[in-house]
Amino acid sequence: MTDSAGPIAVQVPSWLEPHTARFLANRRRDVPSILGAAAAGDFAAMKRLGHNLKGAGTEFGFAGIDEIGRALEEAALTGDAAGLRAAASSLQSYLDSLQITYV
């Protein structure tokens, strides 16, 4: 799973700036949702979220989110609450490490 040791530089076309900002804001809101689902044992919701993140991350140019989505989906499929918490931690770390340049 992605746990960055340093900044993650991503270039995004400037015309995508508002969409990218909204996408990343939604991912930040996903972190507490994942933790809440882990505590509640809501694996079905996390399976859906993981599945959605898999494609969306790459579509927006954030391959790490794709990887985290895969880990989240796998943890949900196996009923692994610790895996959900690890995915939430990885997502937070990834988001905190992003350095976006709009070109």
PDB file of N, CA and C in Angstrom:
ATOM      1  N   MET A   1       0.839  -1.170   0.000  1.00  0.00           N
ATOM      2  CA  MET A   1       0.000   0.000   0.000  1.00  0.00           C
ATOM      3  C   MET A   1       0.885   1.234   0.000  1.00  0.00           C
ATOM      4  N   THR A   2       0.372   2.316  -0.516  1.00  0.00           N
ATOM      5  CA  THR A   2       1.144   3.539  -0.662  1.00  0.00           C
ATOM      6  C   THR A   2       1.276   4.257   0.675  1.00  0.00           C
ATOM      7  N   ASP A   3       2.495   4.391   1.163  1.00  0.00           N
ATOM      8  CA  ASP A   3       2.826   5.245   2.296  1.00  0.00           C
ATOM      9  C   ASP A   3       4.053   6.024   1.877  1.00  0.00           C
ATOM     10  N   SER A   4       3.841   7.261   1.506  1.00  0.00           N
ATOM     11  CA  SER A   4       4.907   8.059   0.918  1.00  0.00           C
ATOM     12  C   SER A   4       5.906   8.529   1.969  1.00  0.00           C
ATOM     13  N   ALA A   5       7.167   8.484   1.592  1.00  0.00           N
ATOM     14  CA  ALA A   5       8.223   8.991   2.455  1.00  0.00           C
ATOM     15  C   ALA A   5       8.557  10.431   2.104  1.00  0.00           C
ATOM     16  N   GLY A   6       8.067  10.921   1.010  1.00  0.00           N
ATOM     17  CA  GLY A   6       8.365  12.286   0.577  1.00  0.00           C
ATOM     18  C   GLY A   6       7.247  12.823  -0.279  1.00  0.00           C
ATOM     19  N   PRO A   7       7.468  14.002  -0.834  1.00  0.00           N
ATOM     20  CA  PRO A   7       6.427  14.610  -1.666  1.00  0.00           C
ATOM     21  C   PRO A   7       6.146  13.792  -2.922  1.00  0.00           C
ATOM     22  N   ILE A   8       4.905  13.843  -3.333  1.00  0.00           N
ATOM     23  CA  ILE A   8       4.473  13.174  -4.561  1.00  0.00           C
ATOM     24  C   ILE A   8       4.094  14.284  -5.537  1.00  0.00           C
ATOM     25  N   ALA A   9       4.916  14.483  -6.549  1.00  0.00           N
ATOM     26  CA  ALA A   9       4.680  15.535  -7.534  1.00  0.00           C
ATOM     27  C   ALA A   9       3.749  15.029  -8.625  1.00  0.00           C
ATOM     28  N   VAL A  10       2.683  15.789  -8.856  1.00  0.00           N
ATOM     29  CA  VAL A  10       1.710  15.439  -9.893  1.00  0.00           C
ATOM     30  C   VAL A  10       1.418  16.690 -10.702  1.00  0.00           C
ATOM     31  N   GLN A  11       1.475  16.546 -12.023  1.00  0.00           N
ATOM     32  CA  GLN A  11       1.098  17.645 -12.907  1.00  0.00           C
ATOM     33  C   GLN A  11      -0.297  17.374 -13.448  1.00  0.00           C
ATOM     34  N   VAL A  12      -1.125  18.395 -13.381  1.00  0.00           N
ATOM     35  CA  VAL A  12      -2.515  18.284 -13.807  1.00  0.00           C
ATOM     36  C   VAL A  12      -2.794  19.435 -14.777  1.00  0.00           C
ATOM     37  N   PRO A  13      -3.474  19.168 -15.880  1.00  0.00           N
ATOM     38  CA  PRO A  13      -3.835  20.268 -16.784  1.00  0.00           C
ATOM     39  C   PRO A  13      -4.645  21.334 -16.035  1.00  0.00           C
ATOM     40  N   SER A  14      -4.335  22.587 -16.300  1.00  0.00           N
ATOM     41  CA  SER A  14      -4.965  23.683 -15.560  1.00  0.00           C
ATOM     42  C   SER A  14      -6.486  23.700 -15.708  1.00  0.00           C
ATOM     43  N   TRP A  15      -6.996  23.247 -16.831  1.00  0.00           N
ATOM     44  CA  TRP A  15      -8.449  23.265 -17.014  1.00  0.00           C
ATOM     45  C   TRP A  15      -9.144  22.258 -16.094  1.00  0.00           C
ATOM     46  N   LEU A  16      -8.384  21.322 -15.517  1.00  0.00           N
ATOM     47  CA  LEU A  16      -8.958  20.348 -14.584  1.00  0.00           C
ATOM     48  C   LEU A  16      -8.871  20.786 -13.122  1.00  0.00           C
ATOM     49  N   GLU A  17      -8.322  21.970 -12.875  1.00  0.00           N
ATOM     50  CA  GLU A  17      -8.102  22.405 -11.494  1.00  0.00           C
ATOM     51  C   GLU A  17      -9.360  22.334 -10.624  1.00  0.00           C
ATOM     52  N   PRO A  18     -10.507  22.879 -11.044  1.00  0.00           N
ATOM     53  CA  PRO A  18     -11.676  22.808 -10.155  1.00  0.00           C
ATOM     54  C   PRO A  18     -12.148  21.370  -9.911  1.00  0.00           C
ATOM     55  N   HIS A  19     -12.048  20.540 -10.926  1.00  0.00           N
ATOM     56  CA  HIS A  19     -12.468  19.143 -10.777  1.00  0.00           C
ATOM     57  C   HIS A  19     -11.512  18.374  -9.869  1.00  0.00           C
ATOM     58  N   THR A  20     -10.232  18.661 -10.030  1.00  0.00           N
ATOM     59  CA  THR A  20      -9.216  18.006  -9.210  1.00  0.00           C
ATOM     60  C   THR A  20      -9.378  18.411  -7.752  1.00  0.00           C
ATOM     61  N   ALA A  21      -9.609  19.687  -7.502  1.00  0.00           N
ATOM     62  CA  ALA A  21      -9.791  20.166  -6.132  1.00  0.00           C
ATOM     63  C   ALA A  21     -10.990  19.489  -5.480  1.00  0.00           C
ATOM     64  N   ARG A  22     -12.076  19.356  -6.210  1.00  0.00           N
ATOM     65  CA  ARG A  22     -13.281  18.704  -5.685  1.00  0.00           C
ATOM     66  C   ARG A  22     -13.018  17.217  -5.442  1.00  0.00           C
ATOM     67  N   PHE A  23     -12.325  16.573  -6.381  1.00  0.00           N
ATOM     68  CA  PHE A  23     -11.998  15.155  -6.249  1.00  0.00           C
ATOM     69  C   PHE A  23     -11.167  14.920  -4.983  1.00  0.00           C
ATOM     70  N   LEU A  24     -10.139  15.738  -4.779  1.00  0.00           N
ATOM     71  CA  LEU A  24      -9.271  15.553  -3.616  1.00  0.00           C
ATOM     72  C   LEU A  24      -9.990  15.898  -2.313  1.00  0.00           C
ATOM     73  N   ALA A  25     -10.866  16.893  -2.333  1.00  0.00           N
ATOM     74  CA  ALA A  25     -11.651  17.219  -1.136  1.00  0.00           C
ATOM     75  C   ALA A  25     -12.539  16.034  -0.754  1.00  0.00           C
ATOM     76  N   ASN A  26     -13.115  15.402  -1.758  1.00  0.00           N
ATOM     77  CA  ASN A  26     -13.936  14.214  -1.489  1.00  0.00           C
ATOM     78  C   ASN A  26     -13.097  13.080  -0.923  1.00  0.00           C
ATOM     79  N   ARG A  27     -11.873  12.922  -1.407  1.00  0.00           N
ATOM     80  CA  ARG A  27     -11.000  11.858  -0.883  1.00  0.00           C
ATOM     81  C   ARG A  27     -10.646  12.135   0.573  1.00  0.00           C
ATOM     82  N   ARG A  28     -10.453  13.410   0.928  1.00  0.00           N
ATOM     83  CA  ARG A  28     -10.170  13.756   2.328  1.00  0.00           C
ATOM     84  C   ARG A  28     -11.361  13.385   3.217  1.00  0.00           C
ATOM     85  N   ARG A  29     -12.566  13.544   2.711  1.00  0.00           N
ATOM     86  CA  ARG A  29     -13.755  13.156   3.478  1.00  0.00           C
ATOM     87  C   ARG A  29     -13.896  11.636   3.562  1.00  0.00           C
ATOM     88  N   ASP A  30     -13.284  10.929   2.625  1.00  0.00           N
ATOM     89  CA  ASP A  30     -13.340   9.462   2.657  1.00  0.00           C
ATOM     90  C   ASP A  30     -12.594   8.875   3.849  1.00  0.00           C
ATOM     91  N   VAL A  31     -11.547   9.555   4.313  1.00  0.00           N
ATOM     92  CA  VAL A  31     -10.716   9.002   5.390  1.00  0.00           C
ATOM     93  C   VAL A  31     -11.559   8.719   6.638  1.00  0.00           C
ATOM     94  N   PRO A  32     -12.297   9.698   7.195  1.00  0.00           N
ATOM     95  CA  PRO A  32     -13.111   9.373   8.369  1.00  0.00           C
ATOM     96  C   PRO A  32     -14.238   8.393   8.056  1.00  0.00           C
ATOM     97  N   SER A  33     -14.729   8.414   6.825  1.00  0.00           N
ATOM     98  CA  SER A  33     -15.768   7.450   6.437  1.00  0.00           C
ATOM     99  C   SER A  33     -15.234   6.024   6.480  1.00  0.00           C
ATOM    100  N   ILE A  34     -14.010   5.841   6.016  1.00  0.00           N
ATOM    101  CA  ILE A  34     -13.390   4.514   6.036  1.00  0.00           C
ATOM    102  C   ILE A  34     -13.196   4.057   7.475  1.00  0.00           C
ATOM    103  N   LEU A  35     -12.708   4.952   8.324  1.00  0.00           N
ATOM    104  CA  LEU A  35     -12.489   4.597   9.725  1.00  0.00           C
ATOM    105  C   LEU A  35     -13.811   4.255  10.418  1.00  0.00           C
ATOM    106  N   GLY A  36     -14.847   5.016  10.124  1.00  0.00           N
ATOM    107  CA  GLY A  36     -16.167   4.730  10.688  1.00  0.00           C
ATOM    108  C   GLY A  36     -16.708   3.394  10.215  1.00  0.00           C
ATOM    109  N   ALA A  37     -16.519   3.103   8.944  1.00  0.00           N
ATOM    110  CA  ALA A  37     -16.983   1.826   8.396  1.00  0.00           C
ATOM    111  C   ALA A  37     -16.209   0.666   9.002  1.00  0.00           C
ATOM    112  N   ALA A  38     -14.918   0.860   9.253  1.00  0.00           N
ATOM    113  CA  ALA A  38     -14.115  -0.186   9.882  1.00  0.00           C
ATOM    114  C   ALA A  38     -14.638  -0.471  11.283  1.00  0.00           C
ATOM    115  N   ALA A  39     -14.956   0.585  12.017  1.00  0.00           N
ATOM    116  CA  ALA A  39     -15.472   0.419  13.384  1.00  0.00           C
ATOM    117  C   ALA A  39     -16.850  -0.247  13.387  1.00  0.00           C
ATOM    118  N   ALA A  40     -17.656   0.072  12.374  1.00  0.00           N
ATOM    119  CA  ALA A  40     -19.014  -0.470  12.306  1.00  0.00           C
ATOM    120  C   ALA A  40     -19.092  -1.810  11.581  1.00  0.00           C
ATOM    121  N   GLY A  41     -18.013  -2.211  10.954  1.00  0.00           N
ATOM    122  CA  GLY A  41     -18.030  -3.457  10.180  1.00  0.00           C
ATOM    123  C   GLY A  41     -18.830  -3.340   8.891  1.00  0.00           C
ATOM    124  N   ASP A  42     -18.891  -2.132   8.325  1.00  0.00           N
ATOM    125  CA  ASP A  42     -19.642  -1.911   7.081  1.00  0.00           C
ATOM    126  C   ASP A  42     -18.726  -2.176   5.885  1.00  0.00           C
ATOM    127  N   PHE A  43     -18.529  -3.443   5.603  1.00  0.00           N
ATOM    128  CA  PHE A  43     -17.613  -3.837   4.541  1.00  0.00           C
ATOM    129  C   PHE A  43     -18.212  -3.641   3.152  1.00  0.00           C
ATOM    130  N   ALA A  44     -19.532  -3.719   3.030  1.00  0.00           N
ATOM    131  CA  ALA A  44     -20.171  -3.542   1.716  1.00  0.00           C
ATOM    132  C   ALA A  44     -19.932  -2.124   1.184  1.00  0.00           C
ATOM    133  N   ALA A  45     -20.087  -1.130   2.043  1.00  0.00           N
ATOM    134  CA  ALA A  45     -19.869   0.255   1.611  1.00  0.00           C
ATOM    135  C   ALA A  45     -18.414   0.471   1.217  1.00  0.00           C
ATOM    136  N   MET A  46     -17.492  -0.144   1.941  1.00  0.00           N
ATOM    137  CA  MET A  46     -16.077   0.036   1.638  1.00  0.00           C
ATOM    138  C   MET A  46     -15.664  -0.719   0.381  1.00  0.00           C
ATOM    139  N   LYS A  47     -16.336  -1.802   0.091  1.00  0.00           N
ATOM    140  CA  LYS A  47     -16.092  -2.511  -1.166  1.00  0.00           C
ATOM    141  C   LYS A  47     -16.458  -1.592  -2.335  1.00  0.00           C
ATOM    142  N   ARG A  48     -17.604  -0.924  -2.231  1.00  0.00           N
ATOM    143  CA  ARG A  48     -18.035   0.001  -3.287  1.00  0.00           C
ATOM    144  C   ARG A  48     -17.068   1.172  -3.414  1.00  0.00           C
ATOM    145  N   LEU A  49     -16.661   1.738  -2.272  1.00  0.00           N
ATOM    146  CA  LEU A  49     -15.743   2.873  -2.315  1.00  0.00           C
ATOM    147  C   LEU A  49     -14.405   2.456  -2.917  1.00  0.00           C
ATOM    148  N   GLY A  50     -13.888   1.322  -2.487  1.00  0.00           N
ATOM    149  CA  GLY A  50     -12.622   0.832  -3.040  1.00  0.00           C
ATOM    150  C   GLY A  50     -12.707   0.647  -4.537  1.00  0.00           C
ATOM    151  N   HIS A  51     -13.805   0.063  -4.985  1.00  0.00           N
ATOM    152  CA  HIS A  51     -14.007  -0.157  -6.415  1.00  0.00           C
ATOM    153  C   HIS A  51     -14.022   1.182  -7.164  1.00  0.00           C
ATOM    154  N   ASN A  52     -14.719   2.163  -6.611  1.00  0.00           N
ATOM    155  CA  ASN A  52     -14.802   3.475  -7.253  1.00  0.00           C
ATOM    156  C   ASN A  52     -13.444   4.184  -7.286  1.00  0.00           C
ATOM    157  N   LEU A  53     -12.674   4.049  -6.220  1.00  0.00           N
ATOM    158  CA  LEU A  53     -11.371   4.709  -6.171  1.00  0.00           C
ATOM    159  C   LEU A  53     -10.386   4.114  -7.164  1.00  0.00           C
ATOM    160  N   LYS A  54     -10.521   2.817  -7.441  1.00  0.00           N
ATOM    161  CA  LYS A  54      -9.576   2.153  -8.349  1.00  0.00           C
ATOM    162  C   LYS A  54      -9.484   2.866  -9.689  1.00  0.00           C
ATOM    163  N   GLY A  55     -10.592   3.161 -10.294  1.00  0.00           N
ATOM    164  CA  GLY A  55     -10.568   3.800 -11.606  1.00  0.00           C
ATOM    165  C   GLY A  55     -10.412   5.303 -11.533  1.00  0.00           C
ATOM    166  N   ALA A  56     -11.031   5.903 -10.522  1.00  0.00           N
ATOM    167  CA  ALA A  56     -11.039   7.361 -10.437  1.00  0.00           C
ATOM    168  C   ALA A  56      -9.651   7.925 -10.179  1.00  0.00           C
ATOM    169  N   GLY A  57      -8.866   7.244  -9.375  1.00  0.00           N
ATOM    170  CA  GLY A  57      -7.518   7.739  -9.082  1.00  0.00           C
ATOM    171  C   GLY A  57      -6.690   7.882 -10.339  1.00  0.00           C
ATOM    172  N   THR A  58      -6.681   6.851 -11.149  1.00  0.00           N
ATOM    173  CA  THR A  58      -5.905   6.878 -12.383  1.00  0.00           C
ATOM    174  C   THR A  58      -6.480   7.892 -13.362  1.00  0.00           C
ATOM    175  N   GLU A  59      -7.793   7.976 -13.423  1.00  0.00           N
ATOM    176  CA  GLU A  59      -8.444   8.917 -14.344  1.00  0.00           C
ATOM    177  C   GLU A  59      -8.024  10.358 -14.064  1.00  0.00           C
ATOM    178  N   PHE A  60      -7.836  10.681 -12.793  1.00  0.00           N
ATOM    179  CA  PHE A  60      -7.432  12.031 -12.422  1.00  0.00           C
ATOM    180  C   PHE A  60      -5.917  12.196 -12.350  1.00  0.00           C
ATOM    181  N   GLY A  61      -5.170  11.133 -12.586  1.00  0.00           N
ATOM    182  CA  GLY A  61      -3.717  11.225 -12.580  1.00  0.00           C
ATOM    183  C   GLY A  61      -3.083  10.911 -11.238  1.00  0.00           C
ATOM    184  N   PHE A  62      -3.828  10.295 -10.343  1.00  0.00           N
ATOM    185  CA  PHE A  62      -3.327   9.952  -9.015  1.00  0.00           C
ATOM    186  C   PHE A  62      -3.306   8.434  -8.869  1.00  0.00           C
ATOM    187  N   ALA A  63      -2.261   7.828  -9.418  1.00  0.00           N
ATOM    188  CA  ALA A  63      -2.165   6.363  -9.426  1.00  0.00           C
ATOM    189  C   ALA A  63      -2.144   5.777  -8.021  1.00  0.00           C
ATOM    190  N   GLY A  64      -1.627   6.511  -7.052  1.00  0.00           N
ATOM    191  CA  GLY A  64      -1.605   6.021  -5.671  1.00  0.00           C
ATOM    192  C   GLY A  64      -2.996   5.794  -5.121  1.00  0.00           C
ATOM    193  N   ILE A  65      -3.948   6.605  -5.540  1.00  0.00           N
ATOM    194  CA  ILE A  65      -5.328   6.431  -5.085  1.00  0.00           C
ATOM    195  C   ILE A  65      -5.905   5.156  -5.673  1.00  0.00           C
ATOM    196  N   ASP A  66      -5.516   4.832  -6.896  1.00  0.00           N
ATOM    197  CA  ASP A  66      -5.923   3.574  -7.516  1.00  0.00           C
ATOM    198  C   ASP A  66      -5.434   2.394  -6.671  1.00  0.00           C
ATOM    199  N   GLU A  67      -4.175   2.447  -6.273  1.00  0.00           N
ATOM    200  CA  GLU A  67      -3.578   1.381  -5.456  1.00  0.00           C
ATOM    201  C   GLU A  67      -4.280   1.262  -4.096  1.00  0.00           C
ATOM    202  N   ILE A  68      -4.567   2.386  -3.482  1.00  0.00           N
ATOM    203  CA  ILE A  68      -5.261   2.391  -2.195  1.00  0.00           C
ATOM    204  C   ILE A  68      -6.675   1.838  -2.355  1.00  0.00           C
ATOM    205  N   GLY A  69      -7.329   2.189  -3.452  1.00  0.00           N
ATOM    206  CA  GLY A  69      -8.662   1.647  -3.726  1.00  0.00           C
ATOM    207  C   GLY A  69      -8.647   0.131  -3.835  1.00  0.00           C
ATOM    208  N   ARG A  70      -7.624  -0.399  -4.473  1.00  0.00           N
ATOM    209  CA  ARG A  70      -7.491  -1.868  -4.581  1.00  0.00           C
ATOM    210  C   ARG A  70      -7.337  -2.508  -3.202  1.00  0.00           C
ATOM    211  N   ALA A  71      -6.490  -1.897  -2.369  1.00  0.00           N
ATOM    212  CA  ALA A  71      -6.273  -2.425  -1.015  1.00  0.00           C
ATOM    213  C   ALA A  71      -7.551  -2.322  -0.180  1.00  0.00           C
ATOM    214  N   LEU A  72      -8.263  -1.226  -0.336  1.00  0.00           N
ATOM    215  CA  LEU A  72      -9.515  -1.031   0.390  1.00  0.00           C
ATOM    216  C   LEU A  72     -10.553  -2.071  -0.023  1.00  0.00           C
ATOM    217  N   GLU A  73     -10.668  -2.276  -1.318  1.00  0.00           N
ATOM    218  CA  GLU A  73     -11.626  -3.266  -1.821  1.00  0.00           C
ATOM    219  C   GLU A  73     -11.263  -4.670  -1.322  1.00  0.00           C
ATOM    220  N   GLU A  74      -9.990  -5.013  -1.358  1.00  0.00           N
ATOM    221  CA  GLU A  74      -9.550  -6.334  -0.891  1.00  0.00           C
ATOM    222  C   GLU A  74      -9.836  -6.515   0.597  1.00  0.00           C
ATOM    223  N   ALA A  75      -9.552  -5.490   1.394  1.00  0.00           N
ATOM    224  CA  ALA A  75      -9.828  -5.569   2.840  1.00  0.00           C
ATOM    225  C   ALA A  75     -11.326  -5.739   3.086  1.00  0.00           C
ATOM    226  N   ALA A  76     -12.131  -5.034   2.316  1.00  0.00           N
ATOM    227  CA  ALA A  76     -13.580  -5.146   2.474  1.00  0.00           C
ATOM    228  C   ALA A  76     -14.068  -6.535   2.080  1.00  0.00           C
ATOM    229  N   LEU A  77     -13.519  -7.086   1.008  1.00  0.00           N
ATOM    230  CA  LEU A  77     -13.933  -8.420   0.552  1.00  0.00           C
ATOM    231  C   LEU A  77     -13.595  -9.501   1.570  1.00  0.00           C
ATOM    232  N   THR A  78     -12.496  -9.315   2.301  1.00  0.00           N
ATOM    233  CA  THR A  78     -12.075 -10.325   3.267  1.00  0.00           C
ATOM    234  C   THR A  78     -12.539 -10.014   4.689  1.00  0.00           C
ATOM    235  N   GLY A  79     -13.255  -8.902   4.872  1.00  0.00           N
ATOM    236  CA  GLY A  79     -13.731  -8.543   6.202  1.00  0.00           C
ATOM    237  C   GLY A  79     -12.615  -8.126   7.146  1.00  0.00           C
ATOM    238  N   ASP A  80     -11.607  -7.486   6.614  1.00  0.00           N
ATOM    239  CA  ASP A  80     -10.408  -7.111   7.367  1.00  0.00           C
ATOM    240  C   ASP A  80     -10.501  -5.655   7.823  1.00  0.00           C
ATOM    241  N   ALA A  81     -10.998  -5.430   9.047  1.00  0.00           N
ATOM    242  CA  ALA A  81     -11.144  -4.067   9.569  1.00  0.00           C
ATOM    243  C   ALA A  81      -9.788  -3.383   9.712  1.00  0.00           C
ATOM    244  N   ALA A  82      -8.755  -4.138  10.110  1.00  0.00           N
ATOM    245  CA  ALA A  82      -7.410  -3.555  10.220  1.00  0.00           C
ATOM    246  C   ALA A  82      -6.921  -3.097   8.847  1.00  0.00           C
ATOM    247  N   GLY A  83      -7.252  -3.845   7.807  1.00  0.00           N
ATOM    248  CA  GLY A  83      -6.892  -3.459   6.445  1.00  0.00           C
ATOM    249  C   GLY A  83      -7.600  -2.185   6.017  1.00  0.00           C
ATOM    250  N   LEU A  84      -8.856  -2.011   6.460  1.00  0.00           N
ATOM    251  CA  LEU A  84      -9.575  -0.770   6.158  1.00  0.00           C
ATOM    252  C   LEU A  84      -8.888   0.415   6.837  1.00  0.00           C
ATOM    253  N   ARG A  85      -8.508   0.219   8.100  1.00  0.00           N
ATOM    254  CA  ARG A  85      -7.814   1.300   8.813  1.00  0.00           C
ATOM    255  C   ARG A  85      -6.471   1.621   8.156  1.00  0.00           C
ATOM    256  N   ALA A  86      -5.767   0.603   7.699  1.00  0.00           N
ATOM    257  CA  ALA A  86      -4.492   0.823   7.010  1.00  0.00           C
ATOM    258  C   ALA A  86      -4.706   1.589   5.710  1.00  0.00           C
ATOM    259  N   ALA A  87      -5.773   1.272   4.995  1.00  0.00           N
ATOM    260  CA  ALA A  87      -6.086   1.983   3.750  1.00  0.00           C
ATOM    261  C   ALA A  87      -6.402   3.447   4.046  1.00  0.00           C
ATOM    262  N   ALA A  88      -7.136   3.702   5.132  1.00  0.00           N
ATOM    263  CA  ALA A  88      -7.451   5.080   5.514  1.00  0.00           C
ATOM    264  C   ALA A  88      -6.165   5.845   5.826  1.00  0.00           C
ATOM    265  N   SER A  89      -5.260   5.205   6.539  1.00  0.00           N
ATOM    266  CA  SER A  89      -3.982   5.829   6.873  1.00  0.00           C
ATOM    267  C   SER A  89      -3.159   6.106   5.614  1.00  0.00           C
ATOM    268  N   SER A  90      -3.136   5.156   4.699  1.00  0.00           N
ATOM    269  CA  SER A  90      -2.405   5.332   3.442  1.00  0.00           C
ATOM    270  C   SER A  90      -2.997   6.464   2.613  1.00  0.00           C
ATOM    271  N   LEU A  91      -4.321   6.535   2.586  1.00  0.00           N
ATOM    272  CA  LEU A  91      -4.976   7.595   1.828  1.00  0.00           C
ATOM    273  C   LEU A  91      -4.632   8.956   2.426  1.00  0.00           C
ATOM    274  N   GLN A  92      -4.692   9.072   3.748  1.00  0.00           N
ATOM    275  CA  GLN A  92      -4.356  10.343   4.396  1.00  0.00           C
ATOM    276  C   GLN A  92      -2.906  10.732   4.108  1.00  0.00           C
ATOM    277  N   SER A  93      -2.006   9.778   4.230  1.00  0.00           N
ATOM    278  CA  SER A  93      -0.588  10.025   3.957  1.00  0.00           C
ATOM    279  C   SER A  93      -0.369  10.457   2.517  1.00  0.00           C
ATOM    280  N   TYR A  94      -1.023   9.763   1.604  1.00  0.00           N
ATOM    281  CA  TYR A  94      -0.899  10.090   0.187  1.00  0.00           C
ATOM    282  C   TYR A  94      -1.378  11.519  -0.077  1.00  0.00           C
ATOM    283  N   LEU A  95      -2.553  11.846   0.433  1.00  0.00           N
ATOM    284  CA  LEU A  95      -3.110  13.180   0.213  1.00  0.00           C
ATOM    285  C   LEU A  95      -2.220  14.263   0.816  1.00  0.00           C
ATOM    286  N   ASP A  96      -1.675  13.989   2.000  1.00  0.00           N
ATOM    287  CA  ASP A  96      -0.803  14.965   2.655  1.00  0.00           C
ATOM    288  C   ASP A  96       0.508  15.169   1.893  1.00  0.00           C
ATOM    289  N   SER A  97       0.915  14.177   1.116  1.00  0.00           N
ATOM    290  CA  SER A  97       2.193  14.229   0.403  1.00  0.00           C
ATOM    291  C   SER A  97       2.093  14.834  -0.992  1.00  0.00           C
ATOM    292  N   LEU A  98       0.883  15.033  -1.483  1.00  0.00           N
ATOM    293  CA  LEU A  98       0.715  15.537  -2.849  1.00  0.00           C
ATOM    294  C   LEU A  98       1.226  16.961  -3.002  1.00  0.00           C
ATOM    295  N   GLN A  99       1.935  17.173  -4.079  1.00  0.00           N
ATOM    296  CA  GLN A  99       2.345  18.504  -4.505  1.00  0.00           C
ATOM    297  C   GLN A  99       1.885  18.642  -5.960  1.00  0.00           C
ATOM    298  N   ILE A 100       0.798  19.344  -6.149  1.00  0.00           N
ATOM    299  CA  ILE A 100       0.181  19.447  -7.467  1.00  0.00           C
ATOM    300  C   ILE A 100       0.632  20.719  -8.157  1.00  0.00           C
ATOM    301  N   THR A 101       0.996  20.552  -9.417  1.00  0.00           N
ATOM    302  CA  THR A 101       1.324  21.685 -10.273  1.00  0.00           C
ATOM    303  C   THR A 101       0.314  21.669 -11.413  1.00  0.00           C
ATOM    304  N   TYR A 102      -0.340  22.799 -11.605  1.00  0.00           N
ATOM    305  CA  TYR A 102      -1.298  22.925 -12.707  1.00  0.00           C
ATOM    306  C   TYR A 102      -0.556  23.508 -13.907  1.00  0.00           C
ATOM    307  N   VAL A 103      -0.614  22.812 -15.019  1.00  0.00           N
ATOM    308  CA  VAL A 103       0.110  23.224 -16.230  1.00  0.00           C
ATOM    309  C   VAL A 103      -0.829  23.520 -17.378  1.00  0.00           C
TER     310      VAL A 103
END
